[in-house]
Amino acid sequence: MNEEKILRWALAERVEHLLIMILMPAFIISGLPLLKIELFSWMIVPPITIDLFRDIHKIAAGLYAGVAIFHVFYHTIALRSTRMGINFKDLKDSIGLMKYYIGLSKEPPKIGFHNPTEKIIVYWGMAVLFMLFMGISGIILMFPWYFPIWIHEWALVIHDVFFFLIVFVLLFHFYMSTLYKEHRPLLDGMFTDGMVPTEYIKEHHPLWYEEVKKKE
């Protein structure tokens, strides 16, 4: 008997996620020698040069900007709207989820399409706010001759700080989506056909399940 499933991610969203999965390691790995050459000089083995890492970093930045532009169009004025805005319920549910995960609450809050904690931390924190700071500071570092020295120095500090913050959020996202077995159906759906078992949706995203049923 086939398990009943609901489409959670369209093909475009799965491709977008895959591109980000490729670009983020490219950002991090290529950025290490640029972050601290004294610690990561072992990565520069002839014929590889520091300029190659710098070029990879710039190309990854350009591709990420392209993915970001597509994302904005896709989720706003095009095909898909998944309520990415943050409201009071998201903040309240995030606290409720944290209490549930650490054992201070027996029942998780009822949530919709998005896990509010990941929406706030991973989406708005990393994908939007962090990358916005990284993008602006990165442009300043790429074209230092257009800016005063003090702006260049602050851009360097901001770029380094947000580098570590992004790595931390990525590790959090990796744990919640991969190592936290309760959410394994989401992982399977993201890397297959985008479908997620209905029973999982009922239990973990009951408000979204109700919306889906109303549209049927």
C-alpha atoms as a PDB file:
ATOM      1  CA  MET A   1       0.000   0.000   0.000  1.00  0.00           C
ATOM      2  CA  ASN A   2       1.447   3.344  -1.083  1.00  0.00           C
ATOM      3  CA  GLU A   3       1.903   5.945   1.638  1.00  0.00           C
ATOM      4  CA  GLU A   4      -0.153   9.110   1.128  1.00  0.00           C
ATOM      5  CA  LYS A   5       2.043  12.166   0.558  1.00  0.00           C
ATOM      6  CA  ILE A   6       1.739  15.929   0.021  1.00  0.00           C
ATOM      7  CA  LEU A   7       3.929  18.047  -2.256  1.00  0.00           C
ATOM      8  CA  ARG A   8       6.038  20.366  -0.115  1.00  0.00           C
ATOM      9  CA  TRP A   9       8.785  21.502  -2.503  1.00  0.00           C
ATOM     10  CA  ALA A  10       8.440  22.048  -6.231  1.00  0.00           C
ATOM     11  CA  LEU A  11      11.330  21.189  -8.554  1.00  0.00           C
ATOM     12  CA  ALA A  12      12.490  24.821  -8.719  1.00  0.00           C
ATOM     13  CA  GLU A  13      12.797  24.960  -4.932  1.00  0.00           C
ATOM     14  CA  ARG A  14      14.717  21.705  -4.764  1.00  0.00           C
ATOM     15  CA  VAL A  15      17.162  22.905  -7.433  1.00  0.00           C
ATOM     16  CA  GLU A  16      17.536  26.207  -5.584  1.00  0.00           C
ATOM     17  CA  HIS A  17      18.327  24.365  -2.357  1.00  0.00           C
ATOM     18  CA  LEU A  18      20.867  22.154  -4.149  1.00  0.00           C
ATOM     19  CA  LEU A  19      22.628  25.210  -5.614  1.00  0.00           C
ATOM     20  CA  ILE A  20      22.857  26.790  -2.165  1.00  0.00           C
ATOM     21  CA  MET A  21      24.249  23.525  -0.790  1.00  0.00           C
ATOM     22  CA  ILE A  22      27.015  23.725  -3.395  1.00  0.00           C
ATOM     23  CA  LEU A  23      27.675  27.442  -3.048  1.00  0.00           C
ATOM     24  CA  MET A  24      27.911  27.546   0.757  1.00  0.00           C
ATOM     25  CA  PRO A  25      30.853  25.088   0.996  1.00  0.00           C
ATOM     26  CA  ALA A  26      32.454  26.924  -1.933  1.00  0.00           C
ATOM     27  CA  PHE A  27      32.126  30.180   0.034  1.00  0.00           C
ATOM     28  CA  ILE A  28      33.513  28.680   3.224  1.00  0.00           C
ATOM     29  CA  ILE A  29      36.390  26.659   1.762  1.00  0.00           C
ATOM     30  CA  SER A  30      37.546  29.381  -0.633  1.00  0.00           C
ATOM     31  CA  GLY A  31      37.250  31.949   2.159  1.00  0.00           C
ATOM     32  CA  LEU A  32      39.513  30.170   4.637  1.00  0.00           C
ATOM     33  CA  PRO A  33      42.868  31.254   3.115  1.00  0.00           C
ATOM     34  CA  LEU A  34      41.423  34.738   2.678  1.00  0.00           C
ATOM     35  CA  LEU A  35      40.327  34.794   6.313  1.00  0.00           C
ATOM     36  CA  LYS A  36      43.691  33.805   7.829  1.00  0.00           C
ATOM     37  CA  ILE A  37      46.503  32.952   5.440  1.00  0.00           C
ATOM     38  CA  GLU A  38      48.799  32.060   8.358  1.00  0.00           C
ATOM     39  CA  LEU A  39      46.484  29.222   9.430  1.00  0.00           C
ATOM     40  CA  PHE A  40      45.461  27.976   6.001  1.00  0.00           C
ATOM     41  CA  SER A  41      48.616  28.377   3.943  1.00  0.00           C
ATOM     42  CA  TRP A  42      48.707  24.557   3.636  1.00  0.00           C
ATOM     43  CA  MET A  43      45.748  24.839   1.248  1.00  0.00           C
ATOM     44  CA  ILE A  44      47.860  26.791  -1.230  1.00  0.00           C
ATOM     45  CA  VAL A  45      49.875  24.155  -3.047  1.00  0.00           C
ATOM     46  CA  PRO A  46      51.381  24.997  -6.491  1.00  0.00           C
ATOM     47  CA  PRO A  47      49.951  25.411  -9.043  1.00  0.00           C
ATOM     48  CA  ILE A  48      47.098  26.553  -6.743  1.00  0.00           C
ATOM     49  CA  THR A  49      47.472  30.194  -5.703  1.00  0.00           C
ATOM     50  CA  ILE A  50      45.654  32.544  -3.345  1.00  0.00           C
ATOM     51  CA  ASP A  51      44.203  34.228  -6.432  1.00  0.00           C
ATOM     52  CA  LEU A  52      42.385  31.018  -7.348  1.00  0.00           C
ATOM     53  CA  PHE A  53      40.650  30.968  -3.961  1.00  0.00           C
ATOM     54  CA  ARG A  54      39.805  34.648  -4.383  1.00  0.00           C
ATOM     55  CA  ASP A  55      38.327  34.023  -7.853  1.00  0.00           C
ATOM     56  CA  ILE A  56      36.249  31.055  -6.630  1.00  0.00           C
ATOM     57  CA  HIS A  57      34.955  33.206  -3.779  1.00  0.00           C
ATOM     58  CA  LYS A  58      33.891  35.953  -6.208  1.00  0.00           C
ATOM     59  CA  ILE A  59      32.248  33.514  -8.640  1.00  0.00           C
ATOM     60  CA  ALA A  60      30.323  31.862  -5.790  1.00  0.00           C
ATOM     61  CA  ALA A  61      29.164  35.309  -4.652  1.00  0.00           C
ATOM     62  CA  GLY A  62      27.896  36.149  -8.132  1.00  0.00           C
ATOM     63  CA  LEU A  63      26.040  32.840  -8.449  1.00  0.00           C
ATOM     64  CA  TYR A  64      24.495  33.251  -4.994  1.00  0.00           C
ATOM     65  CA  ALA A  65      23.269  36.711  -6.005  1.00  0.00           C
ATOM     66  CA  GLY A  66      21.610  35.119  -9.040  1.00  0.00           C
ATOM     67  CA  VAL A  67      19.917  32.488  -6.872  1.00  0.00           C
ATOM     68  CA  ALA A  68      18.760  35.225  -4.472  1.00  0.00           C
ATOM     69  CA  ILE A  69      17.186  37.231  -7.308  1.00  0.00           C
ATOM     70  CA  PHE A  70      15.370  34.132  -8.567  1.00  0.00           C
ATOM     71  CA  HIS A  71      14.189  33.392  -5.019  1.00  0.00           C
ATOM     72  CA  VAL A  72      12.695  36.868  -4.576  1.00  0.00           C
ATOM     73  CA  PHE A  73      10.790  36.676  -7.861  1.00  0.00           C
ATOM     74  CA  TYR A  74       9.652  33.090  -7.285  1.00  0.00           C
ATOM     75  CA  HIS A  75       8.317  33.660  -3.773  1.00  0.00           C
ATOM     76  CA  THR A  76       6.749  37.099  -4.272  1.00  0.00           C
ATOM     77  CA  ILE A  77       5.516  38.019  -7.739  1.00  0.00           C
ATOM     78  CA  ALA A  78       5.685  34.628  -9.422  1.00  0.00           C
ATOM     79  CA  LEU A  79       4.511  31.134  -8.561  1.00  0.00           C
ATOM     80  CA  ARG A  80       4.992  30.394  -4.910  1.00  0.00           C
ATOM     81  CA  SER A  81       4.085  32.177  -1.693  1.00  0.00           C
ATOM     82  CA  THR A  82       4.913  30.442   1.592  1.00  0.00           C
ATOM     83  CA  ARG A  83       4.475  33.303   4.096  1.00  0.00           C
ATOM     84  CA  MET A  84       8.114  34.055   4.795  1.00  0.00           C
ATOM     85  CA  GLY A  85       7.263  37.157   6.837  1.00  0.00           C
ATOM     86  CA  ILE A  86       7.762  36.992  10.611  1.00  0.00           C
ATOM     87  CA  ASN A  87       4.841  37.689  12.952  1.00  0.00           C
ATOM     88  CA  PHE A  88       4.187  37.464  16.687  1.00  0.00           C
ATOM     89  CA  LYS A  89       2.966  33.870  16.385  1.00  0.00           C
ATOM     90  CA  ASP A  90       6.320  32.853  14.858  1.00  0.00           C
ATOM     91  CA  LEU A  91       8.177  34.310  17.836  1.00  0.00           C
ATOM     92  CA  LYS A  92       5.797  32.665  20.295  1.00  0.00           C
ATOM     93  CA  ASP A  93       5.977  29.307  18.485  1.00  0.00           C
ATOM     94  CA  SER A  94       9.785  29.471  18.330  1.00  0.00           C
ATOM     95  CA  ILE A  95       9.931  29.743  22.109  1.00  0.00           C
ATOM     96  CA  GLY A  96       7.410  26.904  22.368  1.00  0.00           C
ATOM     97  CA  LEU A  97       9.466  24.693  20.067  1.00  0.00           C
ATOM     98  CA  MET A  98      12.651  25.369  22.004  1.00  0.00           C
ATOM     99  CA  LYS A  99      10.876  24.369  25.226  1.00  0.00           C
ATOM    100  CA  TYR A 100       9.623  21.206  23.536  1.00  0.00           C
ATOM    101  CA  TYR A 101      13.076  20.236  22.179  1.00  0.00           C
ATOM    102  CA  ILE A 102      14.760  20.617  25.578  1.00  0.00           C
ATOM    103  CA  GLY A 103      12.000  18.832  27.445  1.00  0.00           C
ATOM    104  CA  LEU A 104      10.300  21.776  29.183  1.00  0.00           C
ATOM    105  CA  SER A 105       7.056  21.252  27.265  1.00  0.00           C
ATOM    106  CA  LYS A 106       5.194  18.024  26.499  1.00  0.00           C
ATOM    107  CA  GLU A 107       3.510  19.289  23.330  1.00  0.00           C
ATOM    108  CA  PRO A 108       4.957  21.390  20.474  1.00  0.00           C
ATOM    109  CA  PRO A 109       2.958  24.401  19.243  1.00  0.00           C
ATOM    110  CA  LYS A 110       0.783  23.982  16.154  1.00  0.00           C
ATOM    111  CA  ILE A 111       2.653  25.431  13.194  1.00  0.00           C
ATOM    112  CA  GLY A 112       1.992  26.027   9.509  1.00  0.00           C
ATOM    113  CA  PHE A 113       4.157  25.455   6.442  1.00  0.00           C
ATOM    114  CA  HIS A 114       7.394  26.668   8.060  1.00  0.00           C
ATOM    115  CA  ASN A 115       9.180  25.714  11.226  1.00  0.00           C
ATOM    116  CA  PRO A 116       9.249  29.252  12.757  1.00  0.00           C
ATOM    117  CA  THR A 117      12.644  28.737  14.422  1.00  0.00           C
ATOM    118  CA  GLU A 118      14.310  27.824  11.135  1.00  0.00           C
ATOM    119  CA  LYS A 119      12.385  30.577   9.347  1.00  0.00           C
ATOM    120  CA  ILE A 120      13.803  33.176  11.737  1.00  0.00           C
ATOM    121  CA  ILE A 121      17.333  31.803  12.200  1.00  0.00           C
ATOM    122  CA  VAL A 122      18.113  30.047   8.910  1.00  0.00           C
ATOM    123  CA  TYR A 123      16.085  32.076   6.422  1.00  0.00           C
ATOM    124  CA  TRP A 124      15.961  35.639   7.792  1.00  0.00           C
ATOM    125  CA  GLY A 125      19.093  35.259   9.902  1.00  0.00           C
ATOM    126  CA  MET A 126      21.470  33.521   7.526  1.00  0.00           C
ATOM    127  CA  ALA A 127      20.039  33.590   3.997  1.00  0.00           C
ATOM    128  CA  VAL A 128      18.860  37.212   4.170  1.00  0.00           C
ATOM    129  CA  LEU A 129      20.438  39.295   6.952  1.00  0.00           C
ATOM    130  CA  PHE A 130      23.807  37.553   7.251  1.00  0.00           C
ATOM    131  CA  MET A 131      24.316  37.282   3.504  1.00  0.00           C
ATOM    132  CA  LEU A 132      23.261  40.914   3.060  1.00  0.00           C
ATOM    133  CA  PHE A 133      26.007  41.991   5.457  1.00  0.00           C
ATOM    134  CA  MET A 134      28.425  39.583   3.785  1.00  0.00           C
ATOM    135  CA  GLY A 135      27.474  40.889   0.342  1.00  0.00           C
ATOM    136  CA  ILE A 136      27.865  44.586   1.166  1.00  0.00           C
ATOM    137  CA  SER A 137      31.111  44.070   3.072  1.00  0.00           C
ATOM    138  CA  GLY A 138      32.348  41.748   0.308  1.00  0.00           C
ATOM    139  CA  ILE A 139      31.772  44.386  -2.379  1.00  0.00           C
ATOM    140  CA  ILE A 140      33.764  46.887  -0.304  1.00  0.00           C
ATOM    141  CA  LEU A 141      36.597  44.380   0.061  1.00  0.00           C
ATOM    142  CA  MET A 142      36.547  43.628  -3.691  1.00  0.00           C
ATOM    143  CA  PHE A 143      36.790  47.320  -4.621  1.00  0.00           C
ATOM    144  CA  PRO A 144      38.732  48.926  -1.738  1.00  0.00           C
ATOM    145  CA  TRP A 145      39.960  51.846  -3.850  1.00  0.00           C
ATOM    146  CA  TYR A 146      36.433  53.305  -3.901  1.00  0.00           C
ATOM    147  CA  PHE A 147      36.131  53.537  -0.105  1.00  0.00           C
ATOM    148  CA  PRO A 148      37.955  55.236   2.793  1.00  0.00           C
ATOM    149  CA  ILE A 149      40.375  53.058   4.759  1.00  0.00           C
ATOM    150  CA  TRP A 150      38.165  53.023   7.876  1.00  0.00           C
ATOM    151  CA  ILE A 151      35.206  51.678   5.893  1.00  0.00           C
ATOM    152  CA  HIS A 152      37.432  48.987   4.387  1.00  0.00           C
ATOM    153  CA  GLU A 153      38.655  47.987   7.871  1.00  0.00           C
ATOM    154  CA  TRP A 154      35.105  47.781   9.241  1.00  0.00           C
ATOM    155  CA  ALA A 155      34.028  45.755   6.198  1.00  0.00           C
ATOM    156  CA  LEU A 156      36.818  43.281   6.921  1.00  0.00           C
ATOM    157  CA  VAL A 157      35.683  42.888  10.541  1.00  0.00           C
ATOM    158  CA  ILE A 158      32.018  42.477   9.527  1.00  0.00           C
ATOM    159  CA  HIS A 159      32.901  39.941   6.835  1.00  0.00           C
ATOM    160  CA  ASP A 160      34.921  37.848   9.288  1.00  0.00           C
ATOM    161  CA  VAL A 161      32.315  37.979  12.090  1.00  0.00           C
ATOM    162  CA  PHE A 162      29.428  37.009   9.828  1.00  0.00           C
ATOM    163  CA  PHE A 163      31.535  34.240   8.336  1.00  0.00           C
ATOM    164  CA  PHE A 164      31.590  32.508  11.729  1.00  0.00           C
ATOM    165  CA  LEU A 165      27.900  33.237  12.349  1.00  0.00           C
ATOM    166  CA  ILE A 166      26.934  31.656   9.021  1.00  0.00           C
ATOM    167  CA  VAL A 167      28.997  28.543   9.782  1.00  0.00           C
ATOM    168  CA  PHE A 168      27.221  28.240  13.141  1.00  0.00           C
ATOM    169  CA  VAL A 169      23.738  28.563  11.584  1.00  0.00           C
ATOM    170  CA  LEU A 170      24.626  26.041   8.880  1.00  0.00           C
ATOM    171  CA  LEU A 171      25.672  23.528  11.528  1.00  0.00           C
ATOM    172  CA  PHE A 172      22.377  24.162  13.369  1.00  0.00           C
ATOM    173  CA  HIS A 173      20.392  23.640  10.152  1.00  0.00           C
ATOM    174  CA  PHE A 174      22.390  20.491   9.348  1.00  0.00           C
ATOM    175  CA  TYR A 175      21.649  19.049  12.789  1.00  0.00           C
ATOM    176  CA  MET A 176      17.923  19.826  12.707  1.00  0.00           C
ATOM    177  CA  SER A 177      17.399  18.505   9.175  1.00  0.00           C
ATOM    178  CA  THR A 178      19.843  15.565   9.074  1.00  0.00           C
ATOM    179  CA  LEU A 179      20.853  14.299  12.501  1.00  0.00           C
ATOM    180  CA  TYR A 180      17.550  15.039  14.231  1.00  0.00           C
ATOM    181  CA  LYS A 181      15.772  11.895  13.008  1.00  0.00           C
ATOM    182  CA  GLU A 182      12.292  13.206  13.777  1.00  0.00           C
ATOM    183  CA  HIS A 183      12.539  15.457  10.705  1.00  0.00           C
ATOM    184  CA  ARG A 184      14.068  12.875   8.353  1.00  0.00           C
ATOM    185  CA  PRO A 185      10.935  12.810   6.093  1.00  0.00           C
ATOM    186  CA  LEU A 186      11.652  16.429   5.160  1.00  0.00           C
ATOM    187  CA  LEU A 187      15.195  15.507   4.157  1.00  0.00           C
ATOM    188  CA  ASP A 188      13.948  12.617   2.038  1.00  0.00           C
ATOM    189  CA  GLY A 189      11.425  14.877   0.316  1.00  0.00           C
ATOM    190  CA  MET A 190      13.957  17.600  -0.433  1.00  0.00           C
ATOM    191  CA  PHE A 191      16.317  15.167  -2.196  1.00  0.00           C
ATOM    192  CA  THR A 192      13.721  13.109  -4.062  1.00  0.00           C
ATOM    193  CA  ASP A 193      10.384  14.257  -5.454  1.00  0.00           C
ATOM    194  CA  GLY A 194       9.478  16.986  -2.970  1.00  0.00           C
ATOM    195  CA  MET A 195       6.749  14.850  -1.416  1.00  0.00           C
ATOM    196  CA  VAL A 196       6.371  14.440   2.351  1.00  0.00           C
ATOM    197  CA  PRO A 197       4.206  11.822   4.133  1.00  0.00           C
ATOM    198  CA  THR A 198       0.770  13.128   5.080  1.00  0.00           C
ATOM    199  CA  GLU A 199       1.063  11.663   8.577  1.00  0.00           C
ATOM    200  CA  TYR A 200       4.243  13.665   9.165  1.00  0.00           C
ATOM    201  CA  ILE A 201       2.518  16.857   7.988  1.00  0.00           C
ATOM    202  CA  LYS A 202      -0.464  16.194  10.274  1.00  0.00           C
ATOM    203  CA  GLU A 203       1.813  15.809  13.280  1.00  0.00           C
ATOM    204  CA  HIS A 204       4.427  18.508  12.646  1.00  0.00           C
ATOM    205  CA  HIS A 205       2.651  21.070  10.427  1.00  0.00           C
ATOM    206  CA  PRO A 206      -1.036  20.716  11.365  1.00  0.00           C
ATOM    207  CA  LEU A 207      -2.047  24.239  10.348  1.00  0.00           C
ATOM    208  CA  TRP A 208      -0.555  23.771   6.883  1.00  0.00           C
ATOM    209  CA  TYR A 209      -2.282  20.390   6.595  1.00  0.00           C
ATOM    210  CA  GLU A 210      -5.619  22.080   7.330  1.00  0.00           C
ATOM    211  CA  GLU A 211      -4.925  24.648   4.583  1.00  0.00           C
ATOM    212  CA  VAL A 212      -4.103  21.901   2.079  1.00  0.00           C
ATOM    213  CA  LYS A 213      -7.313  20.040   2.895  1.00  0.00           C
ATOM    214  CA  LYS A 214      -9.416  23.186   2.500  1.00  0.00           C
ATOM    215  CA  LYS A 215      -8.067  23.681  -1.027  1.00  0.00           C
ATOM    216  CA  GLU A 216      -8.903  20.140  -2.109  1.00  0.00           C
END
